[in-house]
Amino acid sequence: MITVTDKAKDKISELLLADGRTPSTHNVRVSVKGGGCSGLMYDLDFDDKINPADQVFEDKGVKILVDKKSLLYLLGTVLDFSDGLNGKGFQFINPNATRTCGCGESFAV
């Protein structure tokens, strides 16, 4: 399962509305792609389609779509949002990551 913090939920809703979309018509797609200084990178986007092979999680009213390949890397992950002095943006708290880079955008398992 993938969970969402209250801060992440609020920011997702804000971004959807700013883009003329709504949480009822668009979902959050989370995936893992090769790249970055640690080998794997997170990808986060809005999607209005659910593919047949997608795993769908819902937390705090946010639907999260994950493809089967990415799911192995993301199980148990918490999606958070930080707006502090050390950086602003979405953060992935991933219990499967054995190493992360300094920017927090790539990881290894």
PDB file of N, CA and C in Angstrom:
ATOM      1  N   MET A   1       0.836  -1.183   0.000  1.00  0.00           N
ATOM      2  CA  MET A   1       0.000   0.000   0.000  1.00  0.00           C
ATOM      3  C   MET A   1       0.881   1.247   0.000  1.00  0.00           C
ATOM      4  N   ILE A   2       0.387   2.308  -0.591  1.00  0.00           N
ATOM      5  CA  ILE A   2       1.042   3.605  -0.592  1.00  0.00           C
ATOM      6  C   ILE A   2       0.116   4.573   0.126  1.00  0.00           C
ATOM      7  N   THR A   3       0.667   5.336   1.063  1.00  0.00           N
ATOM      8  CA  THR A   3      -0.152   6.276   1.817  1.00  0.00           C
ATOM      9  C   THR A   3       0.280   7.711   1.529  1.00  0.00           C
ATOM     10  N   VAL A   4      -0.587   8.637   1.898  1.00  0.00           N
ATOM     11  CA  VAL A   4      -0.396  10.049   1.608  1.00  0.00           C
ATOM     12  C   VAL A   4      -0.535  10.833   2.914  1.00  0.00           C
ATOM     13  N   THR A   5       0.392  11.749   3.174  1.00  0.00           N
ATOM     14  CA  THR A   5       0.259  12.601   4.353  1.00  0.00           C
ATOM     15  C   THR A   5      -0.761  13.702   4.065  1.00  0.00           C
ATOM     16  N   ASP A   6      -1.197  14.358   5.124  1.00  0.00           N
ATOM     17  CA  ASP A   6      -2.146  15.460   4.963  1.00  0.00           C
ATOM     18  C   ASP A   6      -1.557  16.583   4.112  1.00  0.00           C
ATOM     19  N   LYS A   7      -0.272  16.893   4.314  1.00  0.00           N
ATOM     20  CA  LYS A   7       0.381  17.944   3.520  1.00  0.00           C
ATOM     21  C   LYS A   7       0.406  17.587   2.036  1.00  0.00           C
ATOM     22  N   ALA A   8       0.709  16.327   1.725  1.00  0.00           N
ATOM     23  CA  ALA A   8       0.736  15.887   0.331  1.00  0.00           C
ATOM     24  C   ALA A   8      -0.665  15.944  -0.264  1.00  0.00           C
ATOM     25  N   LYS A   9      -1.657  15.511   0.479  1.00  0.00           N
ATOM     26  CA  LYS A   9      -3.052  15.556   0.006  1.00  0.00           C
ATOM     27  C   LYS A   9      -3.463  16.983  -0.327  1.00  0.00           C
ATOM     28  N   ASP A  10      -3.150  17.911   0.567  1.00  0.00           N
ATOM     29  CA  ASP A  10      -3.507  19.310   0.345  1.00  0.00           C
ATOM     30  C   ASP A  10      -2.813  19.872  -0.890  1.00  0.00           C
ATOM     31  N   LYS A  11      -1.537  19.549  -1.081  1.00  0.00           N
ATOM     32  CA  LYS A  11      -0.789  20.059  -2.234  1.00  0.00           C
ATOM     33  C   LYS A  11      -1.305  19.436  -3.527  1.00  0.00           C
ATOM     34  N   ILE A  12      -1.643  18.160  -3.508  1.00  0.00           N
ATOM     35  CA  ILE A  12      -2.200  17.502  -4.691  1.00  0.00           C
ATOM     36  C   ILE A  12      -3.506  18.176  -5.089  1.00  0.00           C
ATOM     37  N   SER A  13      -4.381  18.416  -4.114  1.00  0.00           N
ATOM     38  CA  SER A  13      -5.660  19.087  -4.398  1.00  0.00           C
ATOM     39  C   SER A  13      -5.419  20.480  -4.968  1.00  0.00           C
ATOM     40  N   GLU A  14      -4.477  21.204  -4.385  1.00  0.00           N
ATOM     41  CA  GLU A  14      -4.151  22.556  -4.849  1.00  0.00           C
ATOM     42  C   GLU A  14      -3.657  22.536  -6.296  1.00  0.00           C
ATOM     43  N   LEU A  15      -2.761  21.602  -6.618  1.00  0.00           N
ATOM     44  CA  LEU A  15      -2.221  21.512  -7.975  1.00  0.00           C
ATOM     45  C   LEU A  15      -3.280  21.100  -8.986  1.00  0.00           C
ATOM     46  N   LEU A  16      -4.140  20.171  -8.596  1.00  0.00           N
ATOM     47  CA  LEU A  16      -5.219  19.756  -9.489  1.00  0.00           C
ATOM     48  C   LEU A  16      -6.131  20.929  -9.819  1.00  0.00           C
ATOM     49  N   LEU A  17      -6.564  21.647  -8.804  1.00  0.00           N
ATOM     50  CA  LEU A  17      -7.473  22.776  -9.014  1.00  0.00           C
ATOM     51  C   LEU A  17      -6.810  23.890  -9.823  1.00  0.00           C
ATOM     52  N   ALA A  18      -5.525  24.149  -9.579  1.00  0.00           N
ATOM     53  CA  ALA A  18      -4.801  25.179 -10.322  1.00  0.00           C
ATOM     54  C   ALA A  18      -4.685  24.819 -11.801  1.00  0.00           C
ATOM     55  N   ASP A  19      -4.726  23.528 -12.095  1.00  0.00           N
ATOM     56  CA  ASP A  19      -4.612  23.044 -13.475  1.00  0.00           C
ATOM     57  C   ASP A  19      -5.984  22.785 -14.103  1.00  0.00           C
ATOM     58  N   GLY A  20      -7.055  23.159 -13.397  1.00  0.00           N
ATOM     59  CA  GLY A  20      -8.407  22.972 -13.925  1.00  0.00           C
ATOM     60  C   GLY A  20      -8.901  21.546 -13.863  1.00  0.00           C
ATOM     61  N   ARG A  21      -8.320  20.750 -12.994  1.00  0.00           N
ATOM     62  CA  ARG A  21      -8.711  19.349 -12.837  1.00  0.00           C
ATOM     63  C   ARG A  21      -9.320  19.163 -11.453  1.00  0.00           C
ATOM     64  N   THR A  22      -9.928  18.019 -11.233  1.00  0.00           N
ATOM     65  CA  THR A  22     -10.507  17.735  -9.916  1.00  0.00           C
ATOM     66  C   THR A  22     -10.057  16.356  -9.444  1.00  0.00           C
ATOM     67  N   PRO A  23     -10.036  16.146  -8.124  1.00  0.00           N
ATOM     68  CA  PRO A  23      -9.675  14.828  -7.596  1.00  0.00           C
ATOM     69  C   PRO A  23     -10.644  13.730  -8.030  1.00  0.00           C
ATOM     70  N   SER A  24     -11.861  14.102  -8.424  1.00  0.00           N
ATOM     71  CA  SER A  24     -12.819  13.080  -8.856  1.00  0.00           C
ATOM     72  C   SER A  24     -12.566  12.609 -10.286  1.00  0.00           C
ATOM     73  N   THR A  25     -11.816  13.402 -11.092  1.00  0.00           N
ATOM     74  CA  THR A  25     -11.554  13.004 -12.479  1.00  0.00           C
ATOM     75  C   THR A  25     -10.098  12.633 -12.745  1.00  0.00           C
ATOM     76  N   HIS A  26      -9.202  13.011 -11.840  1.00  0.00           N
ATOM     77  CA  HIS A  26      -7.781  12.718 -12.058  1.00  0.00           C
ATOM     78  C   HIS A  26      -7.168  12.039 -10.841  1.00  0.00           C
ATOM     79  N   ASN A  27      -6.292  11.108 -11.125  1.00  0.00           N
ATOM     80  CA  ASN A  27      -5.595  10.351 -10.093  1.00  0.00           C
ATOM     81  C   ASN A  27      -4.119  10.720 -10.105  1.00  0.00           C
ATOM     82  N   VAL A  28      -3.409  10.263  -9.097  1.00  0.00           N
ATOM     83  CA  VAL A  28      -1.970  10.480  -9.024  1.00  0.00           C
ATOM     84  C   VAL A  28      -1.282   9.185  -9.451  1.00  0.00           C
ATOM     85  N   ARG A  29      -0.453   9.275 -10.487  1.00  0.00           N
ATOM     86  CA  ARG A  29       0.306   8.111 -10.942  1.00  0.00           C
ATOM     87  C   ARG A  29       1.719   8.204 -10.382  1.00  0.00           C
ATOM     88  N   VAL A  30       2.126   7.148  -9.674  1.00  0.00           N
ATOM     89  CA  VAL A  30       3.472   7.071  -9.109  1.00  0.00           C
ATOM     90  C   VAL A  30       4.170   5.897  -9.778  1.00  0.00           C
ATOM     91  N   SER A  31       5.377   6.144 -10.273  1.00  0.00           N
ATOM     92  CA  SER A  31       6.119   5.051 -10.900  1.00  0.00           C
ATOM     93  C   SER A  31       7.607   5.204 -10.604  1.00  0.00           C
ATOM     94  N   VAL A  32       8.341   4.164 -10.947  1.00  0.00           N
ATOM     95  CA  VAL A  32       9.787   4.136 -10.760  1.00  0.00           C
ATOM     96  C   VAL A  32      10.422   3.920 -12.127  1.00  0.00           C
ATOM     97  N   LYS A  33      11.437   4.721 -12.414  1.00  0.00           N
ATOM     98  CA  LYS A  33      12.150   4.617 -13.685  1.00  0.00           C
ATOM     99  C   LYS A  33      13.640   4.547 -13.417  1.00  0.00           C
ATOM    100  N   GLY A  34      14.370   3.961 -14.320  1.00  0.00           N
ATOM    101  CA  GLY A  34      15.815   3.913 -14.199  1.00  0.00           C
ATOM    102  C   GLY A  34      16.417   5.290 -14.389  1.00  0.00           C
ATOM    103  N   GLY A  35      17.460   5.606 -13.597  1.00  0.00           N
ATOM    104  CA  GLY A  35      18.141   6.889 -13.748  1.00  0.00           C
ATOM    105  C   GLY A  35      18.535   7.472 -12.408  1.00  0.00           C
ATOM    106  N   GLY A  36      19.043   8.666 -12.453  1.00  0.00           N
ATOM    107  CA  GLY A  36      19.474   9.335 -11.231  1.00  0.00           C
ATOM    108  C   GLY A  36      20.808   8.795 -10.756  1.00  0.00           C
ATOM    109  N   CYS A  37      21.368   9.446  -9.764  1.00  0.00           N
ATOM    110  CA  CYS A  37      22.698   9.052  -9.296  1.00  0.00           C
ATOM    111  C   CYS A  37      22.675   7.778  -8.453  1.00  0.00           C
ATOM    112  N   SER A  38      21.504   7.346  -7.991  1.00  0.00           N
ATOM    113  CA  SER A  38      21.434   6.103  -7.212  1.00  0.00           C
ATOM    114  C   SER A  38      20.862   4.933  -8.006  1.00  0.00           C
ATOM    115  N   GLY A  39      20.445   5.168  -9.252  1.00  0.00           N
ATOM    116  CA  GLY A  39      19.999   4.078 -10.108  1.00  0.00           C
ATOM    117  C   GLY A  39      18.521   4.070 -10.439  1.00  0.00           C
ATOM    118  N   LEU A  40      17.656   4.516  -9.524  1.00  0.00           N
ATOM    119  CA  LEU A  40      16.218   4.537  -9.763  1.00  0.00           C
ATOM    120  C   LEU A  40      15.664   5.906  -9.386  1.00  0.00           C
ATOM    121  N   MET A  41      14.643   6.332 -10.126  1.00  0.00           N
ATOM    122  CA  MET A  41      14.027   7.640  -9.863  1.00  0.00           C
ATOM    123  C   MET A  41      12.515   7.492  -9.730  1.00  0.00           C
ATOM    124  N   TYR A  42      11.936   8.335  -8.893  1.00  0.00           N
ATOM    125  CA  TYR A  42      10.488   8.388  -8.751  1.00  0.00           C
ATOM    126  C   TYR A  42       9.914   9.277  -9.849  1.00  0.00           C
ATOM    127  N   ASP A  43       8.722   8.930 -10.309  1.00  0.00           N
ATOM    128  CA  ASP A  43       8.007   9.751 -11.277  1.00  0.00           C
ATOM    129  C   ASP A  43       6.594   9.949 -10.743  1.00  0.00           C
ATOM    130  N   LEU A  44       6.130  11.175 -10.748  1.00  0.00           N
ATOM    131  CA  LEU A  44       4.839  11.538 -10.183  1.00  0.00           C
ATOM    132  C   LEU A  44       4.102  12.375 -11.210  1.00  0.00           C
ATOM    133  N   ASP A  45       2.846  12.002 -11.512  1.00  0.00           N
ATOM    134  CA  ASP A  45       2.086  12.724 -12.524  1.00  0.00           C
ATOM    135  C   ASP A  45       0.598  12.546 -12.259  1.00  0.00           C
ATOM    136  N   PHE A  46      -0.224  13.353 -12.919  1.00  0.00           N
ATOM    137  CA  PHE A  46      -1.670  13.182 -12.863  1.00  0.00           C
ATOM    138  C   PHE A  46      -2.103  12.355 -14.061  1.00  0.00           C
ATOM    139  N   ASP A  47      -3.129  11.532 -13.873  1.00  0.00           N
ATOM    140  CA  ASP A  47      -3.616  10.678 -14.946  1.00  0.00           C
ATOM    141  C   ASP A  47      -5.118  10.516 -14.794  1.00  0.00           C
ATOM    142  N   ASP A  48      -5.835  10.622 -15.905  1.00  0.00           N
ATOM    143  CA  ASP A  48      -7.284  10.446 -15.864  1.00  0.00           C
ATOM    144  C   ASP A  48      -7.713   9.053 -16.312  1.00  0.00           C
ATOM    145  N   LYS A  49      -6.726   8.188 -16.588  1.00  0.00           N
ATOM    146  CA  LYS A  49      -7.030   6.814 -17.022  1.00  0.00           C
ATOM    147  C   LYS A  49      -6.425   5.804 -16.050  1.00  0.00           C
ATOM    148  N   ILE A  50      -7.165   4.744 -15.813  1.00  0.00           N
ATOM    149  CA  ILE A  50      -6.658   3.628 -15.011  1.00  0.00           C
ATOM    150  C   ILE A  50      -6.442   2.465 -15.967  1.00  0.00           C
ATOM    151  N   ASN A  51      -5.206   2.011 -16.088  1.00  0.00           N
ATOM    152  CA  ASN A  51      -4.881   0.885 -16.963  1.00  0.00           C
ATOM    153  C   ASN A  51      -5.278  -0.423 -16.287  1.00  0.00           C
ATOM    154  N   PRO A  52      -5.612  -1.443 -17.070  1.00  0.00           N
ATOM    155  CA  PRO A  52      -6.042  -2.719 -16.484  1.00  0.00           C
ATOM    156  C   PRO A  52      -5.020  -3.343 -15.532  1.00  0.00           C
ATOM    157  N   ALA A  53      -3.733  -3.125 -15.777  1.00  0.00           N
ATOM    158  CA  ALA A  53      -2.693  -3.727 -14.934  1.00  0.00           C
ATOM    159  C   ALA A  53      -2.316  -2.849 -13.735  1.00  0.00           C
ATOM    160  N   ASP A  54      -2.917  -1.674 -13.600  1.00  0.00           N
ATOM    161  CA  ASP A  54      -2.591  -0.783 -12.492  1.00  0.00           C
ATOM    162  C   ASP A  54      -3.092  -1.328 -11.163  1.00  0.00           C
ATOM    163  N   GLN A  55      -2.312  -1.086 -10.126  1.00  0.00           N
ATOM    164  CA  GLN A  55      -2.771  -1.284  -8.755  1.00  0.00           C
ATOM    165  C   GLN A  55      -3.290   0.075  -8.302  1.00  0.00           C
ATOM    166  N   VAL A  56      -4.458   0.088  -7.674  1.00  0.00           N
ATOM    167  CA  VAL A  56      -5.070   1.341  -7.255  1.00  0.00           C
ATOM    168  C   VAL A  56      -5.153   1.365  -5.733  1.00  0.00           C
ATOM    169  N   PHE A  57      -4.609   2.429  -5.150  1.00  0.00           N
ATOM    170  CA  PHE A  57      -4.674   2.637  -3.704  1.00  0.00           C
ATOM    171  C   PHE A  57      -5.400   3.952  -3.474  1.00  0.00           C
ATOM    172  N   GLU A  58      -6.144   4.029  -2.397  1.00  0.00           N
ATOM    173  CA  GLU A  58      -6.788   5.295  -2.052  1.00  0.00           C
ATOM    174  C   GLU A  58      -6.511   5.598  -0.592  1.00  0.00           C
ATOM    175  N   ASP A  59      -6.027   6.813  -0.354  1.00  0.00           N
ATOM    176  CA  ASP A  59      -5.748   7.260   1.002  1.00  0.00           C
ATOM    177  C   ASP A  59      -6.122   8.732   1.109  1.00  0.00           C
ATOM    178  N   LYS A  60      -6.901   9.068   2.099  1.00  0.00           N
ATOM    179  CA  LYS A  60      -7.333  10.449   2.350  1.00  0.00           C
ATOM    180  C   LYS A  60      -8.024  11.049   1.130  1.00  0.00           C
ATOM    181  N   GLY A  61      -8.729  10.221   0.367  1.00  0.00           N
ATOM    182  CA  GLY A  61      -9.453  10.707  -0.807  1.00  0.00           C
ATOM    183  C   GLY A  61      -8.612  10.847  -2.055  1.00  0.00           C
ATOM    184  N   VAL A  62      -7.334  10.482  -1.996  1.00  0.00           N
ATOM    185  CA  VAL A  62      -6.438  10.565  -3.148  1.00  0.00           C
ATOM    186  C   VAL A  62      -6.274   9.158  -3.719  1.00  0.00           C
ATOM    187  N   LYS A  63      -6.595   9.008  -5.008  1.00  0.00           N
ATOM    188  CA  LYS A  63      -6.375   7.727  -5.677  1.00  0.00           C
ATOM    189  C   LYS A  63      -4.979   7.715  -6.269  1.00  0.00           C
ATOM    190  N   ILE A  64      -4.240   6.654  -5.947  1.00  0.00           N
ATOM    191  CA  ILE A  64      -2.865   6.508  -6.414  1.00  0.00           C
ATOM    192  C   ILE A  64      -2.798   5.298  -7.338  1.00  0.00           C
ATOM    193  N   LEU A  65      -2.262   5.505  -8.531  1.00  0.00           N
ATOM    194  CA  LEU A  65      -2.113   4.437  -9.522  1.00  0.00           C
ATOM    195  C   LEU A  65      -0.648   4.039  -9.601  1.00  0.00           C
ATOM    196  N   VAL A  66      -0.403   2.724  -9.591  1.00  0.00           N
ATOM    197  CA  VAL A  66       0.968   2.213  -9.669  1.00  0.00           C
ATOM    198  C   VAL A  66       0.988   1.032 -10.630  1.00  0.00           C
ATOM    199  N   ASP A  67       1.905   1.046 -11.593  1.00  0.00           N
ATOM    200  CA  ASP A  67       2.055  -0.105 -12.481  1.00  0.00           C
ATOM    201  C   ASP A  67       2.714  -1.245 -11.704  1.00  0.00           C
ATOM    202  N   LYS A  68       2.510  -2.470 -12.185  1.00  0.00           N
ATOM    203  CA  LYS A  68       2.987  -3.649 -11.441  1.00  0.00           C
ATOM    204  C   LYS A  68       4.498  -3.659 -11.247  1.00  0.00           C
ATOM    205  N   LYS A  69       5.240  -3.215 -12.232  1.00  0.00           N
ATOM    206  CA  LYS A  69       6.700  -3.212 -12.126  1.00  0.00           C
ATOM    207  C   LYS A  69       7.158  -2.268 -11.006  1.00  0.00           C
ATOM    208  N   SER A  70       6.572  -1.100 -10.942  1.00  0.00           N
ATOM    209  CA  SER A  70       6.940  -0.107  -9.932  1.00  0.00           C
ATOM    210  C   SER A  70       6.481  -0.505  -8.538  1.00  0.00           C
ATOM    211  N   LEU A  71       5.410  -1.268  -8.467  1.00  0.00           N
ATOM    212  CA  LEU A  71       4.835  -1.632  -7.172  1.00  0.00           C
ATOM    213  C   LEU A  71       5.846  -2.338  -6.274  1.00  0.00           C
ATOM    214  N   LEU A  72       6.692  -3.173  -6.848  1.00  0.00           N
ATOM    215  CA  LEU A  72       7.692  -3.897  -6.060  1.00  0.00           C
ATOM    216  C   LEU A  72       8.626  -2.949  -5.314  1.00  0.00           C
ATOM    217  N   TYR A  73       8.910  -1.793  -5.911  1.00  0.00           N
ATOM    218  CA  TYR A  73       9.805  -0.819  -5.296  1.00  0.00           C
ATOM    219  C   TYR A  73       9.088   0.129  -4.334  1.00  0.00           C
ATOM    220  N   LEU A  74       7.760   0.225  -4.455  1.00  0.00           N
ATOM    221  CA  LEU A  74       7.018   1.267  -3.751  1.00  0.00           C
ATOM    222  C   LEU A  74       6.152   0.790  -2.591  1.00  0.00           C
ATOM    223  N   LEU A  75       6.023  -0.515  -2.389  1.00  0.00           N
ATOM    224  CA  LEU A  75       5.152  -0.998  -1.310  1.00  0.00           C
ATOM    225  C   LEU A  75       5.570  -0.415   0.036  1.00  0.00           C
ATOM    226  N   GLY A  76       4.616   0.135   0.745  1.00  0.00           N
ATOM    227  CA  GLY A  76       4.882   0.703   2.058  1.00  0.00           C
ATOM    228  C   GLY A  76       5.353   2.145   2.033  1.00  0.00           C
ATOM    229  N   THR A  77       5.437   2.740   0.848  1.00  0.00           N
ATOM    230  CA  THR A  77       5.927   4.105   0.712  1.00  0.00           C
ATOM    231  C   THR A  77       4.892   5.117   1.190  1.00  0.00           C
ATOM    232  N   VAL A  78       5.382   6.198   1.784  1.00  0.00           N
ATOM    233  CA  VAL A  78       4.542   7.323   2.193  1.00  0.00           C
ATOM    234  C   VAL A  78       4.895   8.510   1.306  1.00  0.00           C
ATOM    235  N   LEU A  79       3.884   9.111   0.686  1.00  0.00           N
ATOM    236  CA  LEU A  79       4.085  10.302  -0.126  1.00  0.00           C
ATOM    237  C   LEU A  79       3.844  11.518   0.759  1.00  0.00           C
ATOM    238  N   ASP A  80       4.843  12.377   0.868  1.00  0.00           N
ATOM    239  CA  ASP A  80       4.771  13.553   1.731  1.00  0.00           C
ATOM    240  C   ASP A  80       5.089  14.791   0.898  1.00  0.00           C
ATOM    241  N   PHE A  81       4.821  15.957   1.467  1.00  0.00           N
ATOM    242  CA  PHE A  81       5.187  17.216   0.821  1.00  0.00           C
ATOM    243  C   PHE A  81       5.895  18.088   1.839  1.00  0.00           C
ATOM    244  N   SER A  82       7.014  18.655   1.420  1.00  0.00           N
ATOM    245  CA  SER A  82       7.780  19.521   2.303  1.00  0.00           C
ATOM    246  C   SER A  82       7.854  20.912   1.694  1.00  0.00           C
ATOM    247  N   ASP A  83       7.679  21.910   2.522  1.00  0.00           N
ATOM    248  CA  ASP A  83       7.840  23.284   2.040  1.00  0.00           C
ATOM    249  C   ASP A  83       8.798  24.052   2.944  1.00  0.00           C
ATOM    250  N   GLY A  84       9.746  23.308   3.505  1.00  0.00           N
ATOM    251  CA  GLY A  84      10.707  23.890   4.441  1.00  0.00           C
ATOM    252  C   GLY A  84      11.902  24.520   3.764  1.00  0.00           C
ATOM    253  N   LEU A  85      12.794  25.004   4.568  1.00  0.00           N
ATOM    254  CA  LEU A  85      13.994  25.683   4.074  1.00  0.00           C
ATOM    255  C   LEU A  85      14.949  24.733   3.347  1.00  0.00           C
ATOM    256  N   ASN A  86      14.918  23.461   3.681  1.00  0.00           N
ATOM    257  CA  ASN A  86      15.832  22.495   3.068  1.00  0.00           C
ATOM    258  C   ASN A  86      15.330  21.958   1.739  1.00  0.00           C
ATOM    259  N   GLY A  87      14.259  22.496   1.240  1.00  0.00           N
ATOM    260  CA  GLY A  87      13.745  22.044  -0.040  1.00  0.00           C
ATOM    261  C   GLY A  87      12.239  21.996  -0.042  1.00  0.00           C
ATOM    262  N   LYS A  88      11.687  22.203  -1.229  1.00  0.00           N
ATOM    263  CA  LYS A  88      10.245  22.218  -1.384  1.00  0.00           C
ATOM    264  C   LYS A  88       9.873  21.195  -2.437  1.00  0.00           C
ATOM    265  N   GLY A  89       8.895  20.370  -2.135  1.00  0.00           N
ATOM    266  CA  GLY A  89       8.435  19.410  -3.112  1.00  0.00           C
ATOM    267  C   GLY A  89       7.952  18.134  -2.471  1.00  0.00           C
ATOM    268  N   PHE A  90       7.516  17.224  -3.324  1.00  0.00           N
ATOM    269  CA  PHE A  90       7.042  15.932  -2.854  1.00  0.00           C
ATOM    270  C   PHE A  90       8.234  15.067  -2.458  1.00  0.00           C
ATOM    271  N   GLN A  91       8.057  14.317  -1.385  1.00  0.00           N
ATOM    272  CA  GLN A  91       9.090  13.424  -0.894  1.00  0.00           C
ATOM    273  C   GLN A  91       8.506  12.025  -0.760  1.00  0.00           C
ATOM    274  N   PHE A  92       9.326  11.040  -1.052  1.00  0.00           N
ATOM    275  CA  PHE A  92       8.936   9.647  -0.920  1.00  0.00           C
ATOM    276  C   PHE A  92       9.669   9.050   0.273  1.00  0.00           C
ATOM    277  N   ILE A  93       8.926   8.597   1.250  1.00  0.00           N
ATOM    278  CA  ILE A  93       9.511   7.910   2.403  1.00  0.00           C
ATOM    279  C   ILE A  93       9.335   6.425   2.111  1.00  0.00           C
ATOM    280  N   ASN A  94      10.399   5.831   1.588  1.00  0.00           N
ATOM    281  CA  ASN A  94      10.333   4.481   1.044  1.00  0.00           C
ATOM    282  C   ASN A  94      11.123   3.509   1.923  1.00  0.00           C
ATOM    283  N   PRO A  95      10.435   2.566   2.583  1.00  0.00           N
ATOM    284  CA  PRO A  95      11.134   1.619   3.444  1.00  0.00           C
ATOM    285  C   PRO A  95      11.974   0.607   2.663  1.00  0.00           C
ATOM    286  N   ASN A  96      11.779   0.527   1.349  1.00  0.00           N
ATOM    287  CA  ASN A  96      12.518  -0.428   0.520  1.00  0.00           C
ATOM    288  C   ASN A  96      13.862   0.126   0.043  1.00  0.00           C
ATOM    289  N   ALA A  97      14.042   1.436   0.134  1.00  0.00           N
ATOM    290  CA  ALA A  97      15.270   2.065  -0.358  1.00  0.00           C
ATOM    291  C   ALA A  97      16.429   1.787   0.597  1.00  0.00           C
ATOM    292  N   THR A  98      17.510   1.283   0.053  1.00  0.00           N
ATOM    293  CA  THR A  98      18.705   1.031   0.860  1.00  0.00           C
ATOM    294  C   THR A  98      19.681   2.190   0.783  1.00  0.00           C
ATOM    295  N   ARG A  99      19.515   3.030  -0.241  1.00  0.00           N
ATOM    296  CA  ARG A  99      20.398   4.179  -0.426  1.00  0.00           C
ATOM    297  C   ARG A  99      19.620   5.247  -1.193  1.00  0.00           C
ATOM    298  N   THR A 100      19.792   6.507  -0.823  1.00  0.00           N
ATOM    299  CA  THR A 100      19.197   7.613  -1.565  1.00  0.00           C
ATOM    300  C   THR A 100      20.270   8.642  -1.860  1.00  0.00           C
ATOM    301  N   CYS A 101      20.026   9.449  -2.867  1.00  0.00           N
ATOM    302  CA  CYS A 101      20.992  10.493  -3.189  1.00  0.00           C
ATOM    303  C   CYS A 101      20.707  11.720  -2.330  1.00  0.00           C
ATOM    304  N   GLY A 102      21.584  12.682  -2.381  1.00  0.00           N
ATOM    305  CA  GLY A 102      21.449  13.880  -1.564  1.00  0.00           C
ATOM    306  C   GLY A 102      20.197  14.687  -1.878  1.00  0.00           C
ATOM    307  N   CYS A 103      19.752  14.670  -3.125  1.00  0.00           N
ATOM    308  CA  CYS A 103      18.578  15.465  -3.499  1.00  0.00           C
ATOM    309  C   CYS A 103      17.278  14.743  -3.152  1.00  0.00           C
ATOM    310  N   GLY A 104      17.359  13.437  -2.874  1.00  0.00           N
ATOM    311  CA  GLY A 104      16.169  12.672  -2.495  1.00  0.00           C
ATOM    312  C   GLY A 104      15.317  12.230  -3.671  1.00  0.00           C
ATOM    313  N   GLU A 105      15.784  12.464  -4.897  1.00  0.00           N
ATOM    314  CA  GLU A 105      14.977  12.111  -6.051  1.00  0.00           C
ATOM    315  C   GLU A 105      15.336  10.756  -6.653  1.00  0.00           C
ATOM    316  N   SER A 106      16.432  10.170  -6.227  1.00  0.00           N
ATOM    317  CA  SER A 106      16.763   8.843  -6.717  1.00  0.00           C
ATOM    318  C   SER A 106      17.128   7.938  -5.540  1.00  0.00           C
ATOM    319  N   PHE A 107      17.037   6.643  -5.800  1.00  0.00           N
ATOM    320  CA  PHE A 107      17.270   5.666  -4.717  1.00  0.00           C
ATOM    321  C   PHE A 107      17.744   4.352  -5.310  1.00  0.00           C
ATOM    322  N   ALA A 108      18.169   3.467  -4.429  1.00  0.00           N
ATOM    323  CA  ALA A 108      18.578   2.115  -4.813  1.00  0.00           C
ATOM    324  C   ALA A 108      17.938   1.151  -3.823  1.00  0.00           C
ATOM    325  N   VAL A 109      17.732  -0.086  -4.281  1.00  0.00           N
ATOM    326  CA  VAL A 109      17.197  -1.129  -3.406  1.00  0.00           C
ATOM    327  C   VAL A 109      18.160  -2.289  -3.357  1.00  0.00           C
TER     328      VAL A 109
END
